PDB file of N, CA and C in Angstrom:
ATOM      1  N   MET A   1     -24.633   4.415 -14.232  1.00  0.00           N
ATOM      2  CA  MET A   1     -23.451   4.203 -14.423  1.00  0.00           C
ATOM      3  C   MET A   1     -22.829   4.201 -12.985  1.00  0.00           C
ATOM      4  N   LYS A   2     -21.713   3.318 -12.795  1.00  0.00           N
ATOM      5  CA  LYS A   2     -21.088   3.149 -11.649  1.00  0.00           C
ATOM      6  C   LYS A   2     -20.006   4.111 -11.614  1.00  0.00           C
ATOM      7  N   LYS A   3     -19.657   4.690 -10.435  1.00  0.00           N
ATOM      8  CA  LYS A   3     -18.743   5.742 -10.062  1.00  0.00           C
ATOM      9  C   LYS A   3     -17.896   5.115  -8.944  1.00  0.00           C
ATOM     10  N   PHE A   4     -16.605   5.459  -9.148  1.00  0.00           N
ATOM     11  CA  PHE A   4     -15.502   5.054  -7.939  1.00  0.00           C
ATOM     12  C   PHE A   4     -14.763   6.006  -7.543  1.00  0.00           C
ATOM     13  N   GLU A   5     -14.249   5.983  -6.396  1.00  0.00           N
ATOM     14  CA  GLU A   5     -13.211   6.983  -5.832  1.00  0.00           C
ATOM     15  C   GLU A   5     -11.954   6.065  -5.593  1.00  0.00           C
ATOM     16  N   TYR A   6     -10.862   6.636  -5.686  1.00  0.00           N
ATOM     17  CA  TYR A   6      -9.534   5.982  -5.507  1.00  0.00           C
ATOM     18  C   TYR A   6      -8.780   6.398  -4.206  1.00  0.00           C
ATOM     19  N   LYS A   7      -7.886   5.902  -3.800  1.00  0.00           N
ATOM     20  CA  LYS A   7      -7.209   6.038  -2.705  1.00  0.00           C
ATOM     21  C   LYS A   7      -5.707   5.462  -2.926  1.00  0.00           C
ATOM     22  N   THR A   8      -4.610   6.236  -2.648  1.00  0.00           N
ATOM     23  CA  THR A   8      -3.358   5.624  -2.682  1.00  0.00           C
ATOM     24  C   THR A   8      -2.801   5.283  -1.441  1.00  0.00           C
ATOM     25  N   VAL A   9      -2.501   4.337  -0.694  1.00  0.00           N
ATOM     26  CA  VAL A   9      -1.604   4.457   0.521  1.00  0.00           C
ATOM     27  C   VAL A   9      -0.115   4.027   0.252  1.00  0.00           C
ATOM     28  N   GLU A  10       0.760   4.832   0.883  1.00  0.00           N
ATOM     29  CA  GLU A  10       2.215   4.406   0.947  1.00  0.00           C
ATOM     30  C   GLU A  10       2.627   4.040   2.119  1.00  0.00           C
ATOM     31  N   ILE A  11       3.413   2.901   1.976  1.00  0.00           N
ATOM     32  CA  ILE A  11       3.990   2.114   3.171  1.00  0.00           C
ATOM     33  C   ILE A  11       5.470   2.173   3.147  1.00  0.00           C
ATOM     34  N   LYS A  12       6.096   2.497   4.050  1.00  0.00           N
ATOM     35  CA  LYS A  12       7.447   2.821   4.094  1.00  0.00           C
ATOM     36  C   LYS A  12       8.257   1.646   4.958  1.00  0.00           C
ATOM     37  N   PRO A  13       9.300   1.469   4.831  1.00  0.00           N
ATOM     38  CA  PRO A  13       9.926   0.564   5.772  1.00  0.00           C
ATOM     39  C   PRO A  13      10.350   1.112   6.992  1.00  0.00           C
ATOM     40  N   THR A  14      10.645   0.276   8.030  1.00  0.00           N
ATOM     41  CA  THR A  14      10.948   0.816   9.138  1.00  0.00           C
ATOM     42  C   THR A  14      12.525   0.539   9.463  1.00  0.00           C
ATOM     43  N   GLY A  15      13.280   0.948  10.379  1.00  0.00           N
ATOM     44  CA  GLY A  15      14.568   1.110  10.621  1.00  0.00           C
ATOM     45  C   GLY A  15      15.370   2.119  10.127  1.00  0.00           C
ATOM     46  N   THR A  16      16.552   2.237  10.534  1.00  0.00           N
ATOM     47  CA  THR A  16      17.316   3.290  10.484  1.00  0.00           C
ATOM     48  C   THR A  16      18.389   3.147   9.067  1.00  0.00           C
ATOM     49  N   TRP A  17      18.896   1.980   8.980  1.00  0.00           N
ATOM     50  CA  TRP A  17      19.993   1.894   8.046  1.00  0.00           C
ATOM     51  C   TRP A  17      19.462   0.795   7.078  1.00  0.00           C
ATOM     52  N   THR A  18      18.497  -0.160   7.445  1.00  0.00           N
ATOM     53  CA  THR A  18      17.897  -1.155   6.506  1.00  0.00           C
ATOM     54  C   THR A  18      16.634  -0.882   5.996  1.00  0.00           C
ATOM     55  N   SER A  19      16.119  -1.827   4.941  1.00  0.00           N
ATOM     56  CA  SER A  19      14.819  -1.553   4.640  1.00  0.00           C
ATOM     57  C   SER A  19      14.047  -2.665   5.129  1.00  0.00           C
ATOM     58  N   LYS A  20      13.180  -2.714   6.056  1.00  0.00           N
ATOM     59  CA  LYS A  20      12.633  -3.743   6.801  1.00  0.00           C
ATOM     60  C   LYS A  20      11.186  -3.496   6.628  1.00  0.00           C
ATOM     61  N   PHE A  21      10.320  -4.415   6.046  1.00  0.00           N
ATOM     62  CA  PHE A  21       8.859  -4.181   5.783  1.00  0.00           C
ATOM     63  C   PHE A  21       8.049  -5.189   6.753  1.00  0.00           C
ATOM     64  N   ASP A  22       7.372  -4.665   7.642  1.00  0.00           N
ATOM     65  CA  ASP A  22       6.707  -5.371   8.549  1.00  0.00           C
ATOM     66  C   ASP A  22       5.487  -6.090   7.932  1.00  0.00           C
ATOM     67  N   ILE A  23       5.427  -7.508   7.609  1.00  0.00           N
ATOM     68  CA  ILE A  23       4.517  -7.844   6.920  1.00  0.00           C
ATOM     69  C   ILE A  23       3.080  -7.841   7.761  1.00  0.00           C
ATOM     70  N   VAL A  24       3.222  -7.977   9.187  1.00  0.00           N
ATOM     71  CA  VAL A  24       1.897  -7.883  10.157  1.00  0.00           C
ATOM     72  C   VAL A  24       1.339  -6.406   9.855  1.00  0.00           C
ATOM     73  N   GLU A  25       2.251  -5.491  10.085  1.00  0.00           N
ATOM     74  CA  GLU A  25       1.630  -4.189   9.878  1.00  0.00           C
ATOM     75  C   GLU A  25       0.955  -3.919   8.329  1.00  0.00           C
ATOM     76  N   ILE A  26       1.772  -4.446   7.484  1.00  0.00           N
ATOM     77  CA  ILE A  26       1.188  -4.340   6.114  1.00  0.00           C
ATOM     78  C   ILE A  26      -0.338  -4.817   6.197  1.00  0.00           C
ATOM     79  N   ASP A  27      -0.304  -6.126   6.606  1.00  0.00           N
ATOM     80  CA  ASP A  27      -1.695  -6.660   6.659  1.00  0.00           C
ATOM     81  C   ASP A  27      -2.482  -5.974   7.498  1.00  0.00           C
ATOM     82  N   LYS A  28      -2.387  -5.460   8.465  1.00  0.00           N
ATOM     83  CA  LYS A  28      -3.310  -4.507   9.271  1.00  0.00           C
ATOM     84  C   LYS A  28      -3.675  -3.308   8.441  1.00  0.00           C
ATOM     85  N   VAL A  29      -2.895  -2.743   7.750  1.00  0.00           N
ATOM     86  CA  VAL A  29      -3.238  -1.577   6.842  1.00  0.00           C
ATOM     87  C   VAL A  29      -4.291  -2.229   5.779  1.00  0.00           C
ATOM     88  N   LEU A  30      -4.037  -3.328   4.957  1.00  0.00           N
ATOM     89  CA  LEU A  30      -4.667  -3.591   4.081  1.00  0.00           C
ATOM     90  C   LEU A  30      -6.144  -4.256   4.554  1.00  0.00           C
ATOM     91  N   ASN A  31      -5.896  -4.856   5.667  1.00  0.00           N
ATOM     92  CA  ASN A  31      -7.409  -5.157   6.251  1.00  0.00           C
ATOM     93  C   ASN A  31      -8.068  -4.176   6.550  1.00  0.00           C
ATOM     94  N   GLY A  32      -7.662  -3.132   7.106  1.00  0.00           N
ATOM     95  CA  GLY A  32      -8.216  -1.901   7.643  1.00  0.00           C
ATOM     96  C   GLY A  32      -8.835  -1.067   6.452  1.00  0.00           C
ATOM     97  N   MET A  33      -8.388  -1.168   5.349  1.00  0.00           N
ATOM     98  CA  MET A  33      -8.919  -0.492   4.187  1.00  0.00           C
ATOM     99  C   MET A  33      -9.925  -1.277   3.680  1.00  0.00           C
ATOM    100  N   GLY A  34      -9.920  -2.707   3.796  1.00  0.00           N
ATOM    101  CA  GLY A  34     -10.754  -3.567   3.222  1.00  0.00           C
ATOM    102  C   GLY A  34     -12.356  -3.488   3.804  1.00  0.00           C
ATOM    103  N   SER A  35     -11.852  -3.446   5.279  1.00  0.00           N
ATOM    104  CA  SER A  35     -12.955  -3.076   6.145  1.00  0.00           C
ATOM    105  C   SER A  35     -13.806  -2.071   6.030  1.00  0.00           C
ATOM    106  N   GLN A  36     -13.265  -0.866   5.331  1.00  0.00           N
ATOM    107  CA  GLN A  36     -13.861   0.376   5.197  1.00  0.00           C
ATOM    108  C   GLN A  36     -14.519   0.340   3.571  1.00  0.00           C
ATOM    109  N   GLY A  37     -14.560  -0.898   2.899  1.00  0.00           N
ATOM    110  CA  GLY A  37     -14.877  -1.074   1.603  1.00  0.00           C
ATOM    111  C   GLY A  37     -13.989  -0.688   0.409  1.00  0.00           C
ATOM    112  N   TRP A  38     -13.062  -0.521   0.682  1.00  0.00           N
ATOM    113  CA  TRP A  38     -12.020  -0.234  -0.328  1.00  0.00           C
ATOM    114  C   TRP A  38     -11.496  -1.658  -0.826  1.00  0.00           C
ATOM    115  N   GLU A  39     -11.153  -1.656  -2.313  1.00  0.00           N
ATOM    116  CA  GLU A  39     -10.593  -2.991  -2.889  1.00  0.00           C
ATOM    117  C   GLU A  39      -9.353  -2.633  -3.640  1.00  0.00           C
ATOM    118  N   LEU A  40      -8.425  -3.331  -3.030  1.00  0.00           N
ATOM    119  CA  LEU A  40      -7.100  -3.134  -3.593  1.00  0.00           C
ATOM    120  C   LEU A  40      -7.001  -3.551  -5.151  1.00  0.00           C
ATOM    121  N   VAL A  41      -6.652  -2.284  -5.864  1.00  0.00           N
ATOM    122  CA  VAL A  41      -6.458  -2.882  -7.501  1.00  0.00           C
ATOM    123  C   VAL A  41      -5.058  -2.607  -8.078  1.00  0.00           C
ATOM    124  N   SER A  42      -4.203  -2.401  -7.178  1.00  0.00           N
ATOM    125  CA  SER A  42      -2.623  -2.381  -7.705  1.00  0.00           C
ATOM    126  C   SER A  42      -1.594  -2.227  -6.495  1.00  0.00           C
ATOM    127  N   MET A  43      -0.636  -2.583  -6.637  1.00  0.00           N
ATOM    128  CA  MET A  43       0.593  -2.395  -5.919  1.00  0.00           C
ATOM    129  C   MET A  43       1.727  -2.244  -6.630  1.00  0.00           C
ATOM    130  N   GLU A  44       2.541  -1.097  -6.352  1.00  0.00           N
ATOM    131  CA  GLU A  44       3.672  -0.585  -6.933  1.00  0.00           C
ATOM    132  C   GLU A  44       4.923  -0.434  -6.018  1.00  0.00           C
ATOM    133  N   ASP A  45       5.895  -0.915  -6.258  1.00  0.00           N
ATOM    134  CA  ASP A  45       7.227  -0.602  -5.339  1.00  0.00           C
ATOM    135  C   ASP A  45       8.114   0.552  -6.044  1.00  0.00           C
ATOM    136  N   ARG A  46       8.640   1.197  -5.118  1.00  0.00           N
ATOM    137  CA  ARG A  46       9.514   2.418  -5.431  1.00  0.00           C
ATOM    138  C   ARG A  46      10.831   1.989  -5.402  1.00  0.00           C
ATOM    139  N   ASN A  47      11.317   1.554  -6.480  1.00  0.00           N
ATOM    140  CA  ASN A  47      12.820   0.984  -6.294  1.00  0.00           C
ATOM    141  C   ASN A  47      13.675   2.269  -6.772  1.00  0.00           C
ATOM    142  N   VAL A  48      14.601   2.342  -5.742  1.00  0.00           N
ATOM    143  CA  VAL A  48      15.724   3.314  -5.605  1.00  0.00           C
ATOM    144  C   VAL A  48      17.008   2.905  -6.512  1.00  0.00           C
ATOM    145  N   GLY A  49      16.891   1.640  -6.842  1.00  0.00           N
ATOM    146  CA  GLY A  49      18.282   1.139  -7.306  1.00  0.00           C
ATOM    147  C   GLY A  49      19.081  -0.012  -6.635  1.00  0.00           C
ATOM    148  N   TYR A  50      19.680  -0.701  -7.208  1.00  0.00           N
ATOM    149  CA  TYR A  50      20.333  -1.953  -6.681  1.00  0.00           C
ATOM    150  C   TYR A  50      19.575  -2.999  -5.660  1.00  0.00           C
ATOM    151  N   GLY A  51      18.456  -2.998  -6.325  1.00  0.00           N
ATOM    152  CA  GLY A  51      17.339  -4.059  -5.841  1.00  0.00           C
ATOM    153  C   GLY A  51      16.857  -3.393  -4.420  1.00  0.00           C
ATOM    154  N   THR A  52      16.885  -2.107  -3.930  1.00  0.00           N
ATOM    155  CA  THR A  52      16.592  -1.463  -2.723  1.00  0.00           C
ATOM    156  C   THR A  52      15.017  -0.984  -3.166  1.00  0.00           C
ATOM    157  N   THR A  53      14.139  -1.230  -2.024  1.00  0.00           N
ATOM    158  CA  THR A  53      12.689  -0.539  -2.261  1.00  0.00           C
ATOM    159  C   THR A  53      12.401   0.296  -1.228  1.00  0.00           C
ATOM    160  N   ALA A  54      12.076   1.473  -1.593  1.00  0.00           N
ATOM    161  CA  ALA A  54      11.886   2.749  -0.802  1.00  0.00           C
ATOM    162  C   ALA A  54      10.670   2.546  -0.212  1.00  0.00           C
ATOM    163  N   CYS A  55       9.589   2.141  -0.899  1.00  0.00           N
ATOM    164  CA  CYS A  55       8.207   2.049  -0.280  1.00  0.00           C
ATOM    165  C   CYS A  55       7.474   1.428  -1.279  1.00  0.00           C
ATOM    166  N   PHE A  56       6.241   1.029  -1.009  1.00  0.00           N
ATOM    167  CA  PHE A  56       5.242   0.597  -1.840  1.00  0.00           C
ATOM    168  C   PHE A  56       4.016   1.315  -1.857  1.00  0.00           C
ATOM    169  N   TYR A  57       3.341   1.216  -2.921  1.00  0.00           N
ATOM    170  CA  TYR A  57       2.096   2.141  -3.294  1.00  0.00           C
ATOM    171  C   TYR A  57       1.164   1.199  -3.541  1.00  0.00           C
ATOM    172  N   TYR A  58      -0.054   1.128  -2.492  1.00  0.00           N
ATOM    173  CA  TYR A  58      -1.265   0.315  -2.720  1.00  0.00           C
ATOM    174  C   TYR A  58      -2.370   1.309  -3.084  1.00  0.00           C
ATOM    175  N   THR A  59      -2.876   0.840  -4.042  1.00  0.00           N
ATOM    176  CA  THR A  59      -4.239   1.455  -4.658  1.00  0.00           C
ATOM    177  C   THR A  59      -5.351   1.089  -4.554  1.00  0.00           C
ATOM    178  N   PHE A  60      -6.202   1.641  -4.234  1.00  0.00           N
ATOM    179  CA  PHE A  60      -7.555   1.095  -3.558  1.00  0.00           C
ATOM    180  C   PHE A  60      -8.665   1.854  -4.633  1.00  0.00           C
ATOM    181  N   LYS A  61      -9.868   1.278  -4.601  1.00  0.00           N
ATOM    182  CA  LYS A  61     -11.016   1.958  -5.081  1.00  0.00           C
ATOM    183  C   LYS A  61     -12.216   1.282  -4.391  1.00  0.00           C
ATOM    184  N   ARG A  62     -13.242   2.234  -4.247  1.00  0.00           N
ATOM    185  CA  ARG A  62     -14.568   1.815  -3.903  1.00  0.00           C
ATOM    186  C   ARG A  62     -15.788   2.639  -4.636  1.00  0.00           C
ATOM    187  N   GLU A  63     -16.957   1.907  -4.667  1.00  0.00           N
ATOM    188  CA  GLU A  63     -18.007   2.493  -5.537  1.00  0.00           C
ATOM    189  C   GLU A  63     -18.601   3.611  -4.659  1.00  0.00           C
ATOM    190  N   ILE A  64     -18.863   4.815  -5.123  1.00  0.00           N
ATOM    191  CA  ILE A  64     -19.720   5.928  -4.417  1.00  0.00           C
ATOM    192  C   ILE A  64     -20.865   5.888  -5.187  1.00  0.00           C
TER     193      ILE A  64
END
């Protein structure tokens, strides 16, 4: 039977007064996880109301 381990990574916006997400930085994180053998299985945003996203949660898995 296959066994997996899971890891969740939180990516927060940058900036003081605005929610800016750096696409290049997100790609670096995702590619880094992929190079370590992690496979992305889900992504969820944490909405704080009025269409504002506080952060993204990326959940990965890899076989152990």
